[in-house]
Amino acid sequence: MKYKFLNKLNRRNFSLLLLIFFLLEFNLFIVYGIAKKDKDVSGFSKKTEIKGDESVSYHFSNNIHFEIDTEVFTELKIKYNERIENREVSMDIKNDNPISLDIKVERSMENFGYSKNPNAPQQGSIQLRSEYRCIYRIKSNSSIDKIKITFKKDSEYGLNTYTEYSIALYEEDDDSWELLETEEVSDNSEIYLKSSISELDKDTEYYITIYEVSYFSYILIISSIILAFAILSVVVIISKKDYFQYLRTRSTSIQKGAHRLTLEEVLENENRNKIIDLILDEPGIHFNELLRKSELAPGNLVWHLDILETYKVIGKKRIGNYIAYFPYYQKNPISNLDLKLSKSKLTLDILEMIEKEPGIWNSVITKRKKVDHKTIHYHIKKLIDLKLVIIKKEGRRKKIYPNFDSDYFKSSLTID
C-alpha cells in the first residue's frame, strides 16, 4: 500500500513536472515570438521605438531589408534614398543605456552633402573600389559601446558570392575610408559578412559601406605635382588684405639698396600687385610660371621681383632646378599663424585645451564648449591643416595631440 501511494505520488510529480516544463517551453516560445518580429514598411522610412532585448526585421520598398537587434530601449529613425534597391543589413546594438538612433541611407557621399568624396581605402600601393552604391550613416544621441554589422553575401542584395569584400568605415574627421576587420561566415548554406564598431561617440556621424578587395593600380603622379603639394602643405595661404596688414605693421629691418621707394609705393604698383597675387595664390610658384601668368617681359619681371625681395614682401628658395617664390615671413613659412588664429577665439581656446590635455578627443571638447560638434570639427580640422595638432587612433578614439615639432611651437610667433 505504501509503495502504491509513493508510485502514485511520483506519477503525479512527474506529470506536474511535465506540465511545468510545457508551460516554460510555451512561455519561452511566446517570448521568442515577441522578440523576433517581421514588419513590412510601405515606402522608405520608419520611425519607431524598440524595446530592450528585441529583434525586428523591417521590409521596405524596393526589396530593402533592415534588421535591428538591441539590448536596450531604442528610438529608431531610419530613412532610405528612394533610388536604393535590393539591399540587406542587420545591426546588433550592445549598450548599457537607452539610445536614440538616426540612420540615413544614401547612394553616395555627395547625397550626404559632401562636395568631395573621402579617399578610398588602400592596401600598400593598391587602391580599392566600391560598386555597392549604398552607404549607411549612423548617429546617436548617446555613446554606444558596440554595434555588430552583418551583410548577407548574396547577388540578390548586390554582393557577388565569388568576390572578396571588406566592410568599411568613415568618420567625419577622417581623410579616407577605413577597412574594418571583416569575417566571412557560413550559416545554413548562406554566407554573411560580419564586422563591428566599438566606442561610438554621441552626436558623431559614422558612415558604413562595402569595398571590393579587387584592385586597380594608382596612376603615377609626376614629380612636379608632388612638389607643388609638398610646398602647399607647409605654407598657409592668407588673404591679400591680411598679408598687406602684416607687412605694414611688422618692424622688419630693410636694406633698400638702390631703391628709394616707400613700402606703400612698392605695394601700390600694378605689376607688383599682379606678382603678389600669383605668389599668394600659388606659394612655391617658379619663375617661368610667373613669367607666363604675369605676361611681363623677362627683364621687367626680374626688376619687380628684385624690388619685392629687397622690401621683404616675397622670399625665394631653390628647389631642384627651379627657383620657387613664397610670401615673405620673418622666421618661417607659417609664422603668420597668429593672423589666422587671432580671428577665431574658439580655435585658440581649442588649441589651448589640447596643449593642456594631450590626447583629448572631439566629443569631450564638444561637451565642454557646449558647441555643435560640427563646429568643433571645423576648428580641429583647421588646426590639423595648420599642422598645429596631430591625430592618433587609440582603439576607436581619435585622440588629438599638439604637434610640438611644428614651427609654431618652436617659435614665439611674434612678428618682428
Protein backbone atom coordinates (compact mmCIF):
# COMPACT_ATOMS: atom_id res chain seq x y z
CA MET A 1 0.00 0.00 0.00
CA LYS A 2 2.84 2.28 0.92
CA TYR A 3 4.65 1.68 -2.41
CA LYS A 4 1.42 2.18 -4.39
CA PHE A 5 0.97 5.55 -2.72
CA LEU A 6 4.54 6.57 -3.49
CA ASN A 7 4.15 5.35 -7.05
CA LYS A 8 1.01 7.42 -7.43
CA LEU A 9 2.75 10.43 -5.88
CA ASN A 10 5.73 10.07 -8.21
CA ARG A 11 3.45 9.81 -11.22
CA ARG A 12 1.69 12.98 -10.10
CA ASN A 13 5.02 14.74 -9.55
CA PHE A 14 6.21 13.60 -12.92
CA SER A 15 3.01 14.86 -14.55
CA LEU A 16 3.40 18.13 -12.69
CA LEU A 17 6.99 18.46 -13.87
CA LEU A 18 5.86 17.78 -17.45
CA LEU A 19 3.20 20.44 -17.13
CA ILE A 20 5.68 22.96 -15.71
CA PHE A 21 8.19 22.13 -18.44
CA PHE A 22 5.48 22.51 -21.10
CA LEU A 23 4.40 25.87 -19.69
CA LEU A 24 8.01 27.08 -19.57
CA GLU A 25 8.56 25.97 -23.14
CA PHE A 26 5.35 27.62 -24.21
CA ASN A 27 6.32 30.80 -22.40
CA LEU A 28 9.76 30.76 -23.98
CA PHE A 29 8.14 30.26 -27.34
CA ILE A 30 5.88 33.25 -26.72
CA VAL A 31 8.80 35.40 -25.58
CA TYR A 32 10.83 34.33 -28.56
CA GLY A 33 7.89 35.01 -30.84
CA ILE A 34 7.58 38.53 -29.42
CA ALA A 35 11.34 39.20 -29.67
CA LYS A 36 11.56 38.26 -33.33
CA LYS A 37 9.30 40.43 -35.44
CA ASP A 38 8.99 40.88 -39.19
CA LYS A 39 7.39 44.13 -40.30
CA ASP A 40 6.53 45.38 -43.75
CA VAL A 41 7.06 49.11 -44.29
CA SER A 42 5.26 50.97 -47.03
CA GLY A 43 7.83 53.34 -48.51
CA PHE A 44 11.41 54.09 -47.48
CA SER A 45 11.35 55.45 -43.93
CA LYS A 46 10.38 54.31 -40.47
CA LYS A 47 10.25 55.99 -37.07
CA THR A 48 9.56 53.71 -34.13
CA GLU A 49 10.55 52.54 -30.65
CA ILE A 50 12.13 49.16 -29.94
CA LYS A 51 12.16 47.56 -26.52
CA GLY A 52 15.31 46.15 -24.99
CA ASP A 53 16.23 42.57 -25.95
CA GLU A 54 14.09 42.79 -29.06
CA SER A 55 14.88 41.98 -32.67
CA VAL A 56 12.89 43.49 -35.52
CA SER A 57 13.27 42.95 -39.26
CA TYR A 58 11.85 45.71 -41.47
CA HIS A 59 11.00 45.12 -45.12
CA PHE A 60 10.96 48.39 -47.04
CA SER A 61 10.03 49.01 -50.66
CA ASN A 62 12.46 48.03 -53.47
CA ASN A 63 13.40 44.77 -51.72
CA ILE A 64 15.23 46.51 -48.88
CA HIS A 65 15.70 44.59 -45.62
CA PHE A 66 16.93 46.10 -42.37
CA GLU A 67 17.16 44.12 -39.14
CA ILE A 68 18.00 45.54 -35.74
CA ASP A 69 18.70 43.60 -32.55
CA THR A 70 19.13 45.76 -29.46
CA GLU A 71 19.83 45.12 -25.79
CA VAL A 72 18.38 48.48 -24.72
CA PHE A 73 15.36 50.63 -25.41
CA THR A 74 15.99 52.30 -28.76
CA GLU A 75 14.24 55.14 -30.55
CA LEU A 76 14.85 54.32 -34.19
CA LYS A 77 14.62 56.66 -37.16
CA ILE A 78 15.70 55.18 -40.49
CA LYS A 79 15.34 56.58 -43.97
CA TYR A 80 16.48 55.17 -47.33
CA ASN A 81 17.07 57.02 -50.58
CA GLU A 82 14.24 56.01 -52.90
CA ARG A 83 16.73 55.05 -55.62
CA ILE A 84 18.26 52.31 -53.45
CA GLU A 85 17.02 48.80 -54.10
CA ASN A 86 17.89 45.18 -53.25
CA ARG A 87 19.91 45.84 -50.10
CA GLU A 88 20.11 43.98 -46.79
CA VAL A 89 21.86 44.64 -43.48
CA SER A 90 21.46 43.78 -39.81
CA MET A 91 22.76 45.68 -36.80
CA ASP A 92 23.20 44.30 -33.28
CA ILE A 93 23.37 47.05 -30.63
CA LYS A 94 25.29 46.39 -27.40
CA ASN A 95 24.91 49.17 -24.86
CA ASP A 96 24.10 49.93 -21.22
CA ASN A 97 21.89 52.98 -21.72
CA PRO A 98 18.82 53.69 -23.90
CA ILE A 99 19.63 55.42 -27.19
CA SER A 100 18.05 57.41 -29.97
CA LEU A 101 19.45 56.09 -33.24
CA ASP A 102 19.24 58.01 -36.51
CA ILE A 103 20.15 56.03 -39.64
CA LYS A 104 20.13 57.55 -43.11
CA VAL A 105 20.98 55.55 -46.21
CA GLU A 106 22.19 57.15 -49.46
CA ARG A 107 23.80 56.01 -52.70
CA SER A 108 26.86 58.25 -52.41
CA MET A 109 28.65 60.68 -50.10
CA GLU A 110 27.52 63.55 -52.33
CA ASN A 111 23.95 62.78 -51.23
CA PHE A 112 25.07 63.45 -47.66
CA GLY A 113 26.30 66.91 -48.69
CA TYR A 114 29.99 66.10 -49.18
CA SER A 115 31.47 68.15 -52.01
CA LYS A 116 34.48 65.86 -52.12
CA ASN A 117 34.47 62.10 -51.66
CA PRO A 118 36.72 60.69 -48.91
CA ASN A 119 39.70 58.80 -50.29
CA ALA A 120 39.15 55.13 -50.99
CA PRO A 121 40.93 52.69 -48.66
CA GLN A 122 44.13 51.13 -49.89
CA GLN A 123 46.39 48.20 -49.22
CA GLY A 124 50.01 49.04 -49.92
CA SER A 125 50.12 50.75 -53.29
CA ILE A 126 46.77 49.30 -54.31
CA GLN A 127 43.54 51.27 -54.08
CA LEU A 128 40.21 49.53 -53.50
CA ARG A 129 36.94 50.33 -55.18
CA SER A 130 33.28 50.07 -54.28
CA GLU A 131 30.34 49.32 -56.53
CA TYR A 132 27.93 48.74 -53.65
CA ARG A 133 26.23 52.15 -54.01
CA CYS A 134 24.71 52.06 -50.56
CA ILE A 135 26.11 53.99 -47.58
CA TYR A 136 24.67 53.85 -44.05
CA ARG A 137 25.10 56.92 -41.85
CA ILE A 138 24.69 56.20 -38.14
CA LYS A 139 24.26 58.86 -35.48
CA SER A 140 23.18 58.51 -31.85
CA ASN A 141 22.28 60.92 -29.06
CA SER A 142 24.37 58.82 -26.68
CA SER A 143 27.65 56.95 -26.93
CA ILE A 144 27.32 53.30 -27.96
CA ASP A 145 29.53 50.52 -26.63
CA LYS A 146 29.38 48.35 -29.74
CA ILE A 147 27.49 47.78 -32.98
CA LYS A 148 27.82 44.48 -34.80
CA ILE A 149 27.12 44.73 -38.52
CA THR A 150 26.15 41.86 -40.80
CA PHE A 151 25.57 41.83 -44.56
CA LYS A 152 24.15 38.87 -46.42
CA LYS A 153 26.55 37.96 -49.22
CA ASP A 154 24.08 37.27 -51.97
CA SER A 155 23.80 38.58 -55.53
CA GLU A 156 20.16 39.43 -54.77
CA TYR A 157 21.49 42.08 -52.40
CA GLY A 158 24.32 43.39 -54.58
CA LEU A 159 27.17 41.20 -53.30
CA ASN A 160 28.77 38.63 -55.57
CA THR A 161 29.40 35.30 -53.89
CA TYR A 162 32.83 34.91 -55.54
CA THR A 163 34.12 38.41 -54.80
CA GLU A 164 36.09 39.21 -51.67
CA TYR A 165 34.69 42.17 -49.73
CA SER A 166 35.51 44.21 -46.66
CA ILE A 167 33.16 46.37 -44.61
CA ALA A 168 34.50 49.93 -44.42
CA LEU A 169 34.00 52.81 -42.00
CA TYR A 170 34.31 56.57 -42.47
CA GLU A 171 34.22 59.07 -39.61
CA GLU A 172 33.53 62.70 -40.33
CA ASP A 173 37.01 63.94 -39.41
CA ASP A 174 38.87 61.31 -41.44
CA ASP A 175 40.57 61.73 -44.80
CA SER A 176 39.72 58.26 -46.11
CA TRP A 177 37.63 55.16 -45.57
CA GLU A 178 38.99 52.61 -43.12
CA LEU A 179 38.71 48.88 -43.77
CA LEU A 180 37.23 47.08 -40.77
CA GLU A 181 38.25 43.58 -39.81
CA THR A 182 35.64 41.60 -41.72
CA GLU A 183 34.77 37.96 -41.16
CA GLU A 184 33.02 35.81 -43.75
CA VAL A 185 30.86 33.12 -42.13
CA SER A 186 28.51 30.44 -43.44
CA ASP A 187 25.16 29.63 -41.88
CA ASN A 188 22.84 27.03 -43.41
CA SER A 189 24.49 27.40 -46.84
CA GLU A 190 24.13 31.21 -46.66
CA ILE A 191 27.20 33.47 -46.45
CA TYR A 192 27.47 36.61 -44.33
CA LEU A 193 29.99 39.42 -43.93
CA LYS A 194 30.42 40.40 -40.29
CA SER A 195 32.25 43.22 -38.53
CA SER A 196 31.82 45.54 -35.57
CA ILE A 197 32.47 49.10 -34.38
CA SER A 198 33.25 49.87 -30.73
CA GLU A 199 33.08 53.05 -28.67
CA LEU A 200 30.91 55.21 -30.92
CA ASP A 201 30.76 58.80 -29.68
CA LYS A 202 27.44 60.58 -29.32
CA ASP A 203 26.36 63.16 -31.91
CA THR A 204 29.06 61.89 -34.28
CA GLU A 205 28.37 60.70 -37.80
CA TYR A 206 29.68 57.27 -38.80
CA TYR A 207 29.39 56.00 -42.37
CA ILE A 208 29.41 52.31 -43.35
CA THR A 209 29.66 50.70 -46.77
CA ILE A 210 31.36 47.78 -48.53
CA TYR A 211 34.53 47.80 -50.62
CA GLU A 212 35.68 45.15 -53.03
CA VAL A 213 39.08 43.68 -52.31
CA SER A 214 39.84 43.73 -56.02
CA TYR A 215 42.46 46.14 -57.08
CA PHE A 216 43.46 48.68 -59.64
CA SER A 217 46.80 50.44 -59.71
CA TYR A 218 47.34 54.03 -58.77
CA ILE A 219 48.03 56.49 -61.56
CA LEU A 220 51.62 57.66 -61.15
CA ILE A 221 51.86 61.30 -60.08
CA ILE A 222 54.53 63.37 -61.75
CA SER A 223 57.20 64.84 -59.54
CA SER A 224 56.20 68.43 -60.18
CA ILE A 225 52.72 67.81 -58.74
CA ILE A 226 54.25 66.10 -55.70
CA LEU A 227 56.50 69.13 -55.26
CA ALA A 228 53.57 71.50 -55.53
CA PHE A 229 51.58 69.63 -52.90
CA ALA A 230 54.62 69.41 -50.64
CA ILE A 231 55.05 73.17 -50.86
CA LEU A 232 51.37 73.85 -50.28
CA SER A 233 51.37 71.57 -47.26
CA VAL A 234 53.81 73.82 -45.37
CA VAL A 235 52.55 77.21 -46.45
CA VAL A 236 49.47 78.84 -45.03
CA ILE A 237 47.62 80.98 -47.53
CA ILE A 238 46.12 84.15 -46.13
CA SER A 239 44.15 86.90 -47.77
CA LYS A 240 45.95 89.72 -49.55
CA LYS A 241 44.40 92.24 -47.17
CA ASP A 242 45.73 90.38 -44.11
CA TYR A 243 49.13 89.97 -45.72
CA PHE A 244 49.45 93.68 -46.51
CA GLN A 245 48.38 94.50 -42.97
CA TYR A 246 51.13 92.22 -41.68
CA LEU A 247 53.71 93.90 -43.94
CA ARG A 248 52.66 97.38 -42.79
CA THR A 249 52.71 96.60 -39.07
CA ARG A 250 55.87 94.49 -38.77
CA SER A 251 59.13 96.05 -37.57
CA THR A 252 61.50 94.37 -40.02
CA SER A 253 64.81 95.94 -40.91
CA ILE A 254 65.02 96.56 -44.69
CA GLN A 255 68.16 97.49 -46.63
CA LYS A 256 66.72 99.35 -49.63
CA GLY A 257 69.97 99.47 -51.61
CA ALA A 258 69.49 101.43 -54.83
CA HIS A 259 65.72 101.62 -54.37
CA ARG A 260 64.22 104.72 -52.84
CA LEU A 261 60.60 103.64 -52.60
CA THR A 262 58.28 103.62 -49.63
CA LEU A 263 56.51 100.39 -48.74
CA GLU A 264 53.24 101.90 -49.93
CA GLU A 265 54.79 102.69 -53.32
CA VAL A 266 56.03 99.10 -53.52
CA LEU A 267 52.59 97.68 -52.77
CA GLU A 268 50.61 100.09 -54.97
CA ASN A 269 52.35 99.25 -58.24
CA GLU A 270 50.00 97.38 -60.59
CA ASN A 271 52.59 94.90 -61.93
CA ARG A 272 53.96 94.12 -58.47
CA ASN A 273 50.39 93.60 -57.24
CA LYS A 274 49.88 91.08 -60.01
CA ILE A 275 53.04 89.22 -58.93
CA ILE A 276 52.00 89.27 -55.25
CA ASP A 277 48.56 87.88 -56.17
CA LEU A 278 50.16 84.99 -58.07
CA ILE A 279 52.55 84.14 -55.22
CA LEU A 280 49.81 84.32 -52.56
CA ASP A 281 47.58 82.10 -54.69
CA GLU A 282 50.37 79.62 -55.51
CA PRO A 283 53.11 79.67 -52.87
CA GLY A 284 56.17 77.99 -54.39
CA ILE A 285 55.42 79.17 -57.94
CA HIS A 286 58.60 79.22 -60.06
CA PHE A 287 59.99 81.93 -62.33
CA ASN A 288 58.82 80.53 -65.69
CA GLU A 289 55.28 80.15 -64.37
CA LEU A 290 55.34 83.72 -63.05
CA LEU A 291 56.61 84.87 -66.43
CA ARG A 292 53.79 83.10 -68.24
CA LYS A 293 50.97 84.15 -65.92
CA SER A 294 52.07 87.73 -65.28
CA GLU A 295 52.59 88.36 -69.03
CA LEU A 296 55.52 90.63 -68.17
CA ALA A 297 58.75 90.84 -70.15
CA PRO A 298 61.55 88.78 -68.51
CA GLY A 299 63.62 91.84 -67.64
CA ASN A 300 60.60 93.65 -66.23
CA LEU A 301 59.64 90.64 -64.10
CA VAL A 302 63.21 90.35 -62.75
CA TRP A 303 63.17 94.07 -61.83
CA HIS A 304 59.88 93.81 -59.90
CA LEU A 305 60.91 90.58 -58.19
CA ASP A 306 64.11 92.27 -57.04
CA ILE A 307 62.11 95.14 -55.50
CA LEU A 308 59.73 92.74 -53.76
CA GLU A 309 62.63 90.68 -52.41
CA THR A 310 64.51 93.82 -51.25
CA TYR A 311 61.49 95.04 -49.31
CA LYS A 312 60.93 91.52 -47.98
CA VAL A 313 57.48 91.25 -49.50
CA ILE A 314 58.42 87.91 -51.07
CA GLY A 315 61.13 85.33 -50.50
CA LYS A 316 62.68 82.71 -52.76
CA LYS A 317 64.23 79.29 -52.40
CA ARG A 318 65.95 76.94 -54.84
CA ILE A 319 64.13 73.60 -55.12
CA GLY A 320 65.87 71.25 -57.55
CA ASN A 321 66.38 73.13 -60.81
CA TYR A 322 63.78 75.77 -60.02
CA ILE A 323 63.63 78.99 -58.03
CA ALA A 324 60.40 78.96 -56.05
CA TYR A 325 58.84 82.17 -54.71
CA PHE A 326 56.91 82.48 -51.45
CA PRO A 327 55.23 85.16 -49.40
CA TYR A 328 57.89 86.55 -47.04
CA TYR A 329 57.72 85.56 -43.39
CA GLN A 330 60.28 86.73 -40.89
CA LYS A 331 61.02 83.43 -39.16
CA ASN A 332 59.41 80.51 -41.01
CA PRO A 333 56.73 79.73 -43.60
CA ILE A 334 53.96 79.57 -41.02
CA SER A 335 54.81 82.45 -38.73
CA ASN A 336 51.66 84.17 -39.90
CA LEU A 337 49.51 81.75 -37.97
CA ASP A 338 48.63 84.40 -35.42
CA LEU A 339 46.92 86.36 -38.21
CA LYS A 340 44.75 83.33 -38.94
CA LEU A 341 44.12 82.24 -35.39
CA SER A 342 43.53 85.70 -33.95
CA LYS A 343 40.33 85.85 -35.97
CA SER A 344 38.86 82.91 -34.02
CA LYS A 345 38.92 82.83 -30.24
CA LEU A 346 37.31 79.38 -30.30
CA THR A 347 40.19 77.95 -32.38
CA LEU A 348 42.71 79.33 -29.90
CA ASP A 349 40.67 78.02 -26.96
CA ILE A 350 40.58 74.54 -28.50
CA LEU A 351 44.31 74.64 -29.19
CA GLU A 352 44.98 75.66 -25.60
CA MET A 353 42.75 72.83 -24.36
CA ILE A 354 44.69 70.32 -26.48
CA GLU A 355 48.00 71.69 -25.18
CA LYS A 356 46.83 71.27 -21.58
CA GLU A 357 45.27 67.84 -22.12
CA PRO A 358 47.12 65.96 -24.87
CA GLY A 359 45.04 63.00 -26.02
CA ILE A 360 41.68 64.73 -25.62
CA TRP A 361 39.11 63.90 -28.32
CA ASN A 362 36.36 65.65 -30.25
CA SER A 363 33.32 64.70 -28.18
CA VAL A 364 34.98 65.82 -24.91
CA ILE A 365 35.76 69.23 -26.41
CA THR A 366 32.20 69.45 -27.76
CA LYS A 367 30.73 68.71 -24.34
CA ARG A 368 32.90 71.25 -22.53
CA LYS A 369 32.49 74.04 -25.06
CA LYS A 370 28.75 73.35 -25.44
CA VAL A 371 29.03 73.99 -29.18
CA ASP A 372 27.68 71.89 -32.04
CA HIS A 373 30.09 69.01 -32.79
CA LYS A 374 30.34 70.08 -36.45
CA THR A 375 31.63 73.48 -35.36
CA ILE A 376 34.25 71.81 -33.16
CA HIS A 377 35.16 69.51 -36.05
CA TYR A 378 35.66 72.56 -38.31
CA HIS A 379 38.08 74.20 -35.87
CA ILE A 380 40.01 70.97 -35.22
CA LYS A 381 40.30 70.46 -38.98
CA LYS A 382 41.71 73.99 -39.23
CA LEU A 383 44.32 73.17 -36.58
CA ILE A 384 45.21 69.96 -38.45
CA ASP A 385 45.57 71.87 -41.72
CA LEU A 386 47.85 74.36 -39.97
CA LYS A 387 49.88 71.39 -38.67
CA LEU A 388 49.40 72.51 -35.08
CA VAL A 389 47.83 69.26 -33.93
CA ILE A 390 48.01 65.63 -34.93
CA ILE A 391 45.50 62.79 -34.64
CA LYS A 392 46.39 59.38 -33.25
CA LYS A 393 43.95 56.48 -33.25
CA GLU A 394 43.76 54.57 -29.98
CA GLY A 395 41.05 51.94 -30.27
CA ARG A 396 38.04 53.71 -31.72
CA ARG A 397 39.11 57.02 -30.22
CA LYS A 398 40.82 59.63 -32.37
CA LYS A 399 42.90 61.43 -29.82
CA ILE A 400 44.30 64.88 -30.52
CA TYR A 401 47.84 65.91 -29.58
CA PRO A 402 49.81 69.13 -30.03
CA ASN A 403 52.34 68.90 -32.86
CA PHE A 404 55.37 70.13 -30.92
CA ASP A 405 57.55 69.52 -33.99
CA SER A 406 55.78 72.32 -35.84
CA ASP A 407 57.48 75.67 -36.29
CA TYR A 408 54.58 77.29 -34.46
CA PHE A 409 55.57 75.70 -31.16
CA LYS A 410 59.28 76.18 -31.81
CA SER A 411 58.96 79.93 -32.18
CA SER A 412 57.28 82.65 -30.16
CA LEU A 413 55.17 83.70 -33.15
CA THR A 414 55.97 87.35 -32.52
CA ILE A 415 56.18 89.35 -35.70
CA ASP A 416 59.39 91.33 -35.72
